[in-house]
């Protein structure tokens, strides 16, 4: 049996709020985040080694959180449109407000 993956990548969209959040993120977290964005184009919600991804309850739609050290990246996935919208990145003490 041959498993064929959908080759169409997801578009990664970054909200304006995220742009403001990035000003407060340490550079080592930024470097890891940039590497992870490439993976988001392929399979943003799939758990895998090196990524601590969990779906969030109590948030609208297909909202997930990605843990990078003490920081949390919140994003949603639109499977129909093949889009990932990154909404925020913040220290874990402020991420879910």
N, C-alpha and C. Protein backbone atom coordinates (compact mmCIF):
# COMPACT_ATOMS: atom_id res chain seq x y z
N UNK A 1 0.84 -1.18 0.00
CA UNK A 1 0.00 0.00 0.00
C UNK A 1 0.89 1.24 0.00
N UNK A 2 0.60 2.16 -0.87
CA UNK A 2 1.35 3.41 -0.98
C UNK A 2 0.49 4.53 -0.44
N UNK A 3 1.04 5.29 0.48
CA UNK A 3 0.33 6.43 1.06
C UNK A 3 0.76 7.69 0.33
N UNK A 4 -0.19 8.38 -0.25
CA UNK A 4 0.11 9.60 -1.01
C UNK A 4 -0.28 10.79 -0.16
N UNK A 5 0.68 11.68 0.05
CA UNK A 5 0.39 12.89 0.82
C UNK A 5 -0.11 13.98 -0.11
N UNK A 6 -0.93 14.85 0.44
CA UNK A 6 -1.38 16.00 -0.31
C UNK A 6 -0.20 16.95 -0.44
N UNK A 7 0.22 17.22 -1.67
CA UNK A 7 1.42 18.01 -1.89
C UNK A 7 1.18 19.52 -1.80
N UNK A 8 -0.06 19.92 -1.80
CA UNK A 8 -0.36 21.36 -1.72
C UNK A 8 -0.06 21.87 -0.32
N UNK A 9 0.87 22.80 -0.21
CA UNK A 9 1.22 23.30 1.13
C UNK A 9 0.17 24.27 1.68
N UNK A 10 0.21 24.43 2.98
CA UNK A 10 -0.63 25.42 3.65
C UNK A 10 0.01 26.79 3.48
N UNK A 11 -0.82 27.81 3.39
CA UNK A 11 -0.31 29.19 3.42
C UNK A 11 -0.24 29.60 4.88
N UNK A 12 0.86 30.21 5.26
CA UNK A 12 1.03 30.68 6.64
C UNK A 12 0.78 32.19 6.65
N UNK A 13 -0.23 32.60 7.42
CA UNK A 13 -0.60 34.02 7.54
C UNK A 13 -0.30 34.48 8.95
N UNK A 14 0.20 35.68 9.07
CA UNK A 14 0.56 36.23 10.37
C UNK A 14 -0.29 37.46 10.65
N UNK A 15 -1.04 37.43 11.76
CA UNK A 15 -1.88 38.56 12.15
C UNK A 15 -1.03 39.75 12.60
N UNK A 16 -1.64 40.92 12.54
CA UNK A 16 -0.97 42.15 13.00
C UNK A 16 -0.56 42.03 14.47
N UNK A 17 -1.39 41.41 15.29
CA UNK A 17 -1.08 41.23 16.71
C UNK A 17 0.24 40.46 16.87
N UNK A 18 0.41 39.47 16.06
CA UNK A 18 1.62 38.66 16.10
C UNK A 18 2.85 39.51 15.81
N UNK A 19 2.74 40.41 14.87
CA UNK A 19 3.86 41.29 14.53
C UNK A 19 4.27 42.11 15.76
N UNK A 20 3.29 42.60 16.51
CA UNK A 20 3.60 43.37 17.72
C UNK A 20 4.22 42.46 18.79
N UNK A 21 3.68 41.24 18.91
CA UNK A 21 4.19 40.30 19.91
C UNK A 21 5.66 39.97 19.68
N UNK A 22 6.06 39.90 18.43
CA UNK A 22 7.43 39.49 18.10
C UNK A 22 8.48 40.46 18.65
N UNK A 23 8.09 41.70 18.88
CA UNK A 23 9.03 42.69 19.41
C UNK A 23 9.49 42.33 20.82
N UNK A 24 8.71 41.51 21.55
CA UNK A 24 9.04 41.15 22.92
C UNK A 24 9.64 39.75 23.05
N UNK A 25 9.78 39.05 21.95
CA UNK A 25 10.27 37.67 21.99
C UNK A 25 11.79 37.65 21.89
N UNK A 26 12.46 36.89 22.77
CA UNK A 26 13.93 36.78 22.70
C UNK A 26 14.39 36.18 21.36
N UNK A 27 15.59 36.51 20.95
CA UNK A 27 16.09 36.09 19.64
C UNK A 27 16.18 34.57 19.49
N UNK A 28 16.52 33.85 20.57
CA UNK A 28 16.62 32.39 20.44
C UNK A 28 15.25 31.75 20.20
N UNK A 29 14.20 32.35 20.73
CA UNK A 29 12.84 31.86 20.48
C UNK A 29 12.44 32.19 19.03
N UNK A 30 12.82 33.37 18.57
CA UNK A 30 12.54 33.77 17.19
C UNK A 30 13.16 32.80 16.19
N UNK A 31 14.40 32.41 16.43
CA UNK A 31 15.09 31.49 15.53
C UNK A 31 14.35 30.15 15.44
N UNK A 32 13.90 29.65 16.58
CA UNK A 32 13.16 28.38 16.59
C UNK A 32 11.81 28.53 15.89
N UNK A 33 11.17 29.66 16.12
CA UNK A 33 9.88 29.91 15.49
C UNK A 33 10.01 29.95 13.97
N UNK A 34 11.03 30.59 13.46
CA UNK A 34 11.22 30.68 12.01
C UNK A 34 11.43 29.30 11.39
N UNK A 35 12.15 28.43 12.08
CA UNK A 35 12.34 27.06 11.59
C UNK A 35 11.01 26.31 11.58
N UNK A 36 10.20 26.53 12.58
CA UNK A 36 8.93 25.84 12.71
C UNK A 36 7.94 26.29 11.64
N UNK A 37 8.00 27.55 11.23
CA UNK A 37 7.08 28.05 10.21
C UNK A 37 7.17 27.25 8.92
N UNK A 38 8.36 26.79 8.59
CA UNK A 38 8.51 25.94 7.39
C UNK A 38 7.72 24.65 7.54
N UNK A 39 7.71 24.08 8.74
CA UNK A 39 6.96 22.86 8.99
C UNK A 39 5.46 23.11 8.93
N UNK A 40 5.02 24.29 9.31
CA UNK A 40 3.60 24.63 9.27
C UNK A 40 3.05 24.55 7.85
N UNK A 41 3.88 24.81 6.86
CA UNK A 41 3.42 24.75 5.48
C UNK A 41 3.04 23.33 5.07
N UNK A 42 3.62 22.34 5.74
CA UNK A 42 3.37 20.94 5.37
C UNK A 42 2.24 20.31 6.16
N UNK A 43 2.30 20.39 7.49
CA UNK A 43 1.29 19.75 8.33
C UNK A 43 1.24 20.45 9.68
N UNK A 44 0.47 21.52 9.81
CA UNK A 44 0.50 22.36 11.01
C UNK A 44 -0.08 21.74 12.27
N UNK A 45 -0.97 20.79 12.15
CA UNK A 45 -1.60 20.24 13.34
C UNK A 45 -1.12 18.86 13.73
N UNK A 46 -0.23 18.30 12.94
CA UNK A 46 0.22 16.93 13.17
C UNK A 46 1.29 16.90 14.25
N UNK A 47 1.08 16.12 15.32
CA UNK A 47 2.12 15.98 16.34
C UNK A 47 3.33 15.25 15.78
N UNK A 48 4.52 15.67 16.18
CA UNK A 48 5.75 15.01 15.75
C UNK A 48 6.87 15.40 16.69
N UNK A 49 7.95 14.67 16.62
CA UNK A 49 9.09 14.91 17.50
C UNK A 49 9.60 16.34 17.33
N UNK A 50 9.88 16.98 18.44
CA UNK A 50 10.40 18.34 18.41
C UNK A 50 9.35 19.42 18.40
N UNK A 51 8.07 19.03 18.29
CA UNK A 51 6.98 19.99 18.28
C UNK A 51 5.99 19.61 19.36
N UNK A 52 5.74 20.50 20.28
CA UNK A 52 4.73 20.26 21.30
C UNK A 52 3.49 21.05 20.89
N UNK A 53 2.63 20.40 20.13
CA UNK A 53 1.42 21.01 19.58
C UNK A 53 0.21 20.37 20.23
N UNK A 54 -0.73 21.20 20.65
CA UNK A 54 -1.97 20.69 21.23
C UNK A 54 -3.15 21.53 20.75
N UNK A 55 -4.28 20.89 20.45
CA UNK A 55 -5.49 21.66 20.17
C UNK A 55 -6.00 22.29 21.45
N UNK A 56 -6.56 23.48 21.36
CA UNK A 56 -7.07 24.19 22.54
C UNK A 56 -8.58 24.11 22.61
N UNK A 57 -9.08 23.85 23.79
CA UNK A 57 -10.52 23.87 24.04
C UNK A 57 -10.91 25.26 24.52
N UNK A 58 -12.11 25.65 24.23
CA UNK A 58 -12.59 26.95 24.70
C UNK A 58 -12.14 28.11 23.82
N UNK A 59 -11.48 27.82 22.72
CA UNK A 59 -11.06 28.84 21.76
C UNK A 59 -11.82 28.60 20.47
N UNK A 60 -12.02 29.64 19.67
CA UNK A 60 -12.80 29.45 18.44
C UNK A 60 -12.10 28.58 17.40
N UNK A 61 -12.91 27.85 16.64
CA UNK A 61 -12.40 27.10 15.49
C UNK A 61 -11.37 26.05 15.81
N UNK A 62 -10.50 25.83 14.88
CA UNK A 62 -9.40 24.88 15.01
C UNK A 62 -8.18 25.58 15.58
N UNK A 63 -8.22 25.96 16.85
CA UNK A 63 -7.12 26.70 17.47
C UNK A 63 -6.17 25.74 18.16
N UNK A 64 -4.88 25.97 17.93
CA UNK A 64 -3.83 25.15 18.51
C UNK A 64 -2.84 26.03 19.24
N UNK A 65 -2.04 25.38 20.09
CA UNK A 65 -0.93 26.09 20.70
C UNK A 65 0.33 25.27 20.44
N UNK A 66 1.40 26.00 20.21
CA UNK A 66 2.72 25.41 20.01
C UNK A 66 3.59 25.92 21.14
N UNK A 67 4.25 25.01 21.84
CA UNK A 67 5.14 25.40 22.93
C UNK A 67 6.56 25.49 22.41
N UNK A 68 7.19 26.64 22.67
CA UNK A 68 8.61 26.84 22.39
C UNK A 68 9.22 27.36 23.68
N UNK A 69 9.80 26.47 24.46
CA UNK A 69 10.34 26.86 25.76
C UNK A 69 9.22 27.42 26.63
N UNK A 70 9.42 28.62 27.16
CA UNK A 70 8.41 29.27 28.00
C UNK A 70 7.43 30.11 27.18
N UNK A 71 7.51 30.04 25.87
CA UNK A 71 6.63 30.83 25.01
C UNK A 71 5.60 29.94 24.33
N UNK A 72 4.44 30.54 24.04
CA UNK A 72 3.36 29.83 23.39
C UNK A 72 2.96 30.58 22.12
N UNK A 73 2.82 29.84 21.05
CA UNK A 73 2.35 30.38 19.78
C UNK A 73 0.93 29.85 19.59
N UNK A 74 -0.02 30.74 19.41
CA UNK A 74 -1.41 30.36 19.17
C UNK A 74 -1.72 30.54 17.69
N UNK A 75 -2.36 29.54 17.11
CA UNK A 75 -2.68 29.61 15.69
C UNK A 75 -3.92 28.78 15.40
N UNK A 76 -4.52 29.07 14.26
CA UNK A 76 -5.69 28.31 13.83
C UNK A 76 -5.42 27.74 12.44
N UNK A 77 -6.13 26.65 12.15
CA UNK A 77 -5.95 25.97 10.88
C UNK A 77 -7.29 25.95 10.15
N UNK A 78 -7.27 26.39 8.91
CA UNK A 78 -8.44 26.31 8.04
C UNK A 78 -8.12 25.24 7.00
N UNK A 79 -8.63 24.04 7.24
CA UNK A 79 -8.33 22.89 6.36
C UNK A 79 -8.87 23.10 4.95
N UNK A 80 -10.04 23.71 4.86
CA UNK A 80 -10.67 23.90 3.56
C UNK A 80 -9.85 24.83 2.67
N UNK A 81 -9.36 25.91 3.24
CA UNK A 81 -8.59 26.90 2.48
C UNK A 81 -7.09 26.63 2.51
N UNK A 82 -6.70 25.62 3.29
CA UNK A 82 -5.28 25.26 3.44
C UNK A 82 -4.47 26.46 3.95
N UNK A 83 -4.96 27.05 5.06
CA UNK A 83 -4.29 28.20 5.66
C UNK A 83 -4.04 27.98 7.14
N UNK A 84 -2.92 28.50 7.58
CA UNK A 84 -2.57 28.55 8.99
C UNK A 84 -2.48 30.02 9.35
N UNK A 85 -3.26 30.46 10.34
CA UNK A 85 -3.22 31.86 10.78
C UNK A 85 -2.61 31.90 12.16
N UNK A 86 -1.42 32.49 12.24
CA UNK A 86 -0.74 32.63 13.53
C UNK A 86 -1.22 33.93 14.15
N UNK A 87 -1.83 33.80 15.34
CA UNK A 87 -2.48 34.96 15.95
C UNK A 87 -1.66 35.63 17.03
N UNK A 88 -0.85 34.86 17.78
CA UNK A 88 -0.07 35.49 18.84
C UNK A 88 1.09 34.61 19.27
N UNK A 89 2.06 35.26 19.87
CA UNK A 89 3.16 34.57 20.53
C UNK A 89 3.45 35.37 21.80
N UNK A 90 3.51 34.66 22.92
CA UNK A 90 3.69 35.35 24.20
C UNK A 90 4.28 34.39 25.22
N UNK A 91 4.83 34.96 26.28
CA UNK A 91 5.30 34.15 27.41
C UNK A 91 4.10 33.39 27.95
N UNK A 92 4.33 32.21 28.46
CA UNK A 92 3.22 31.37 28.91
C UNK A 92 2.35 32.03 29.97
N UNK A 93 2.90 32.96 30.75
CA UNK A 93 2.11 33.64 31.78
C UNK A 93 1.07 34.60 31.17
N UNK A 94 1.27 35.00 29.91
CA UNK A 94 0.35 35.94 29.25
C UNK A 94 -0.33 35.36 28.02
N UNK A 95 0.00 34.17 27.62
CA UNK A 95 -0.41 33.64 26.32
C UNK A 95 -1.91 33.42 26.17
N UNK A 96 -2.60 33.04 27.24
CA UNK A 96 -3.99 32.64 27.10
C UNK A 96 -4.99 33.71 27.54
N UNK A 97 -4.56 34.93 27.67
CA UNK A 97 -5.44 36.03 28.09
C UNK A 97 -6.26 36.54 26.96
